[in-house]
Amino acid sequence: MPDPTLLEAFPTPTDAPLVIEHVAEEFTSVCPKTGHPDFGEVTVLFQPRAAKDGGVCVELKSLKIYFHSFRDEGIFYEAVTHQIRDDLNALMKPTWMRITTNWRGRGGIRSRIHADAGTVPHQ
């Protein structure tokens, strides 16, 4: 199973509103039906709570190591997306967050999955 204890955080550096976007272009997991690798891109878009409110941001090296913990995991696209959302939401408790996984095509079908926490502003 992916390990959320790998994730680390640091205090939000400001009280001013801030939107952060991290894009992991080389995400890999395994199809639970075929055992074949699934390749995708994960976008983490969020507004951390202000520093004065105890807000935190995810530390990038820990995020990369956490993403690598999915590498040998047999898991569906939807479950990957929701797992990442749930683990990052538990760590940071942001004002809002959107996780998007964009999967490379297989068999003529490409998939993009979104999972939100909080009320995401119109994109």
C-alpha atoms as a PDB file:
ATOM      1  CA  MET A   1       0.000   0.000   0.000  1.00  0.00           C
ATOM      2  CA  PRO A   2       1.106   3.582  -0.568  1.00  0.00           C
ATOM      3  CA  ASP A   3       2.523   5.008   2.647  1.00  0.00           C
ATOM      4  CA  PRO A   4       1.151   8.425   3.747  1.00  0.00           C
ATOM      5  CA  THR A   5       3.678   8.535   6.600  1.00  0.00           C
ATOM      6  CA  LEU A   6       6.285   9.316   3.916  1.00  0.00           C
ATOM      7  CA  LEU A   7       4.704  12.755   3.458  1.00  0.00           C
ATOM      8  CA  GLU A   8       6.247  15.716   5.273  1.00  0.00           C
ATOM      9  CA  ALA A   9       5.049  19.290   5.597  1.00  0.00           C
ATOM     10  CA  PHE A  10       6.475  22.711   6.392  1.00  0.00           C
ATOM     11  CA  PRO A  11       4.672  25.843   7.618  1.00  0.00           C
ATOM     12  CA  THR A  12       2.980  27.979   4.969  1.00  0.00           C
ATOM     13  CA  PRO A  13       5.452  30.817   4.366  1.00  0.00           C
ATOM     14  CA  THR A  14       2.891  33.636   4.271  1.00  0.00           C
ATOM     15  CA  ASP A  15      -0.473  34.862   5.465  1.00  0.00           C
ATOM     16  CA  ALA A  16      -1.265  36.181   1.968  1.00  0.00           C
ATOM     17  CA  PRO A  17      -3.490  34.008  -0.220  1.00  0.00           C
ATOM     18  CA  LEU A  18      -1.406  31.544  -2.181  1.00  0.00           C
ATOM     19  CA  VAL A  19      -2.212  28.846  -4.769  1.00  0.00           C
ATOM     20  CA  ILE A  20       0.355  26.105  -5.334  1.00  0.00           C
ATOM     21  CA  GLU A  21       0.524  23.643  -8.225  1.00  0.00           C
ATOM     22  CA  HIS A  22       2.862  20.639  -8.313  1.00  0.00           C
ATOM     23  CA  VAL A  23       3.028  18.412 -11.412  1.00  0.00           C
ATOM     24  CA  ALA A  24       4.589  14.941 -11.287  1.00  0.00           C
ATOM     25  CA  GLU A  25       5.122  13.925 -14.904  1.00  0.00           C
ATOM     26  CA  GLU A  26       6.408  10.374 -14.337  1.00  0.00           C
ATOM     27  CA  PHE A  27       3.829   8.706 -12.085  1.00  0.00           C
ATOM     28  CA  THR A  28       3.586   4.923 -12.287  1.00  0.00           C
ATOM     29  CA  SER A  29       1.267   2.333 -10.769  1.00  0.00           C
ATOM     30  CA  VAL A  30       0.073  -1.104 -11.919  1.00  0.00           C
ATOM     31  CA  CYS A  31      -3.209  -2.163 -13.490  1.00  0.00           C
ATOM     32  CA  PRO A  32      -4.846  -4.538 -10.977  1.00  0.00           C
ATOM     33  CA  LYS A  33      -6.475  -6.527 -13.811  1.00  0.00           C
ATOM     34  CA  THR A  34      -3.525  -7.082 -16.158  1.00  0.00           C
ATOM     35  CA  GLY A  35      -0.463  -6.345 -14.027  1.00  0.00           C
ATOM     36  CA  HIS A  36       0.767  -3.984 -16.748  1.00  0.00           C
ATOM     37  CA  PRO A  37       2.261  -0.637 -15.719  1.00  0.00           C
ATOM     38  CA  ASP A  38       0.066   2.458 -15.880  1.00  0.00           C
ATOM     39  CA  PHE A  39       1.840   5.718 -16.683  1.00  0.00           C
ATOM     40  CA  GLY A  40       0.400   9.086 -15.856  1.00  0.00           C
ATOM     41  CA  GLU A  41       0.832  12.609 -14.649  1.00  0.00           C
ATOM     42  CA  VAL A  42      -0.388  13.823 -11.250  1.00  0.00           C
ATOM     43  CA  THR A  43      -1.260  17.468 -10.664  1.00  0.00           C
ATOM     44  CA  VAL A  44      -1.709  18.709  -7.099  1.00  0.00           C
ATOM     45  CA  LEU A  45      -3.403  22.128  -7.019  1.00  0.00           C
ATOM     46  CA  PHE A  46      -4.235  23.652  -3.648  1.00  0.00           C
ATOM     47  CA  GLN A  47      -4.587  26.735  -1.501  1.00  0.00           C
ATOM     48  CA  PRO A  48      -2.856  26.200   1.832  1.00  0.00           C
ATOM     49  CA  ARG A  49      -4.283  27.757   4.947  1.00  0.00           C
ATOM     50  CA  ALA A  50      -2.489  30.927   6.063  1.00  0.00           C
ATOM     51  CA  ALA A  51       0.557  30.688   8.322  1.00  0.00           C
ATOM     52  CA  LYS A  52      -1.343  32.435  11.151  1.00  0.00           C
ATOM     53  CA  ASP A  53      -3.969  29.651  10.924  1.00  0.00           C
ATOM     54  CA  GLY A  54      -1.400  26.863  11.190  1.00  0.00           C
ATOM     55  CA  GLY A  55      -1.303  26.156   7.458  1.00  0.00           C
ATOM     56  CA  VAL A  56       1.275  23.787   5.990  1.00  0.00           C
ATOM     57  CA  CYS A  57       2.558  22.843   2.536  1.00  0.00           C
ATOM     58  CA  VAL A  58       3.752  19.431   1.387  1.00  0.00           C
ATOM     59  CA  GLU A  59       7.538  19.078   1.120  1.00  0.00           C
ATOM     60  CA  LEU A  60       8.461  18.085  -2.454  1.00  0.00           C
ATOM     61  CA  LYS A  61      11.056  15.383  -1.846  1.00  0.00           C
ATOM     62  CA  SER A  62       8.637  13.578   0.453  1.00  0.00           C
ATOM     63  CA  LEU A  63       5.886  13.962  -2.164  1.00  0.00           C
ATOM     64  CA  LYS A  64       8.146  12.381  -4.784  1.00  0.00           C
ATOM     65  CA  ILE A  65       8.987   9.447  -2.485  1.00  0.00           C
ATOM     66  CA  TYR A  66       5.289   9.045  -1.619  1.00  0.00           C
ATOM     67  CA  PHE A  67       4.395   8.962  -5.334  1.00  0.00           C
ATOM     68  CA  HIS A  68       7.063   6.295  -5.881  1.00  0.00           C
ATOM     69  CA  SER A  69       5.347   4.126  -3.249  1.00  0.00           C
ATOM     70  CA  PHE A  70       2.567   3.546  -5.823  1.00  0.00           C
ATOM     71  CA  ARG A  71       5.013   2.103  -8.374  1.00  0.00           C
ATOM     72  CA  ASP A  72       4.277  -1.587  -7.684  1.00  0.00           C
ATOM     73  CA  GLU A  73       0.736  -1.057  -6.410  1.00  0.00           C
ATOM     74  CA  GLY A  74      -2.128  -2.771  -8.258  1.00  0.00           C
ATOM     75  CA  ILE A  75      -4.706   0.020  -8.100  1.00  0.00           C
ATOM     76  CA  PHE A  76      -7.354   1.532 -10.379  1.00  0.00           C
ATOM     77  CA  TYR A  77      -6.979   5.122 -11.645  1.00  0.00           C
ATOM     78  CA  GLU A  78      -9.908   6.350  -9.566  1.00  0.00           C
ATOM     79  CA  ALA A  79      -8.518   4.800  -6.377  1.00  0.00           C
ATOM     80  CA  VAL A  80      -5.065   6.324  -7.005  1.00  0.00           C
ATOM     81  CA  THR A  81      -6.578   9.779  -7.395  1.00  0.00           C
ATOM     82  CA  HIS A  82      -8.735   9.532  -4.284  1.00  0.00           C
ATOM     83  CA  GLN A  83      -5.925   8.020  -2.194  1.00  0.00           C
ATOM     84  CA  ILE A  84      -3.601  10.905  -3.050  1.00  0.00           C
ATOM     85  CA  ARG A  85      -6.379  13.428  -2.314  1.00  0.00           C
ATOM     86  CA  ASP A  86      -7.193  11.821   1.030  1.00  0.00           C
ATOM     87  CA  ASP A  87      -3.556  11.545   2.156  1.00  0.00           C
ATOM     88  CA  LEU A  88      -2.620  15.102   1.167  1.00  0.00           C
ATOM     89  CA  ASN A  89      -5.832  16.500   2.636  1.00  0.00           C
ATOM     90  CA  ALA A  90      -5.114  14.757   5.944  1.00  0.00           C
ATOM     91  CA  LEU A  91      -1.560  16.140   5.972  1.00  0.00           C
ATOM     92  CA  MET A  92      -2.253  19.747   4.969  1.00  0.00           C
ATOM     93  CA  LYS A  93      -5.949  20.431   5.581  1.00  0.00           C
ATOM     94  CA  PRO A  94      -5.850  23.074   2.829  1.00  0.00           C
ATOM     95  CA  THR A  95      -8.565  25.631   2.135  1.00  0.00           C
ATOM     96  CA  TRP A  96      -9.247  23.648  -1.049  1.00  0.00           C
ATOM     97  CA  MET A  97      -7.437  21.125  -3.190  1.00  0.00           C
ATOM     98  CA  ARG A  98      -7.834  19.402  -6.565  1.00  0.00           C
ATOM     99  CA  ILE A  99      -5.905  16.278  -7.523  1.00  0.00           C
ATOM    100  CA  THR A 100      -5.912  15.457 -11.233  1.00  0.00           C
ATOM    101  CA  THR A 101      -4.464  12.287 -12.680  1.00  0.00           C
ATOM    102  CA  ASN A 102      -3.985  12.235 -16.433  1.00  0.00           C
ATOM    103  CA  TRP A 103      -3.292   8.707 -17.708  1.00  0.00           C
ATOM    104  CA  ARG A 104      -1.543   7.803 -20.934  1.00  0.00           C
ATOM    105  CA  GLY A 105      -3.667   5.984 -23.463  1.00  0.00           C
ATOM    106  CA  ARG A 106      -4.061   2.253 -23.671  1.00  0.00           C
ATOM    107  CA  GLY A 107      -6.359   0.467 -26.104  1.00  0.00           C
ATOM    108  CA  GLY A 108      -7.432   3.797 -27.576  1.00  0.00           C
ATOM    109  CA  ILE A 109      -8.723   5.210 -24.272  1.00  0.00           C
ATOM    110  CA  ARG A 110      -7.148   7.975 -22.192  1.00  0.00           C
ATOM    111  CA  SER A 111      -8.470   8.875 -18.757  1.00  0.00           C
ATOM    112  CA  ARG A 112      -8.363  11.991 -16.605  1.00  0.00           C
ATOM    113  CA  ILE A 113      -9.639  11.794 -13.030  1.00  0.00           C
ATOM    114  CA  HIS A 114     -10.295  14.724 -10.652  1.00  0.00           C
ATOM    115  CA  ALA A 115     -10.764  14.496  -6.896  1.00  0.00           C
ATOM    116  CA  ASP A 116     -11.491  17.633  -4.867  1.00  0.00           C
ATOM    117  CA  ALA A 117     -11.384  18.614  -1.218  1.00  0.00           C
ATOM    118  CA  GLY A 118     -13.139  21.774  -0.155  1.00  0.00           C
ATOM    119  CA  THR A 119     -14.738  24.114  -2.663  1.00  0.00           C
ATOM    120  CA  VAL A 120     -12.391  24.487  -5.625  1.00  0.00           C
ATOM    121  CA  PRO A 121     -12.768  27.843  -7.433  1.00  0.00           C
ATOM    122  CA  HIS A 122     -13.864  27.637 -11.049  1.00  0.00           C
ATOM    123  CA  GLN A 123     -10.861  26.724 -13.192  1.00  0.00           C
END
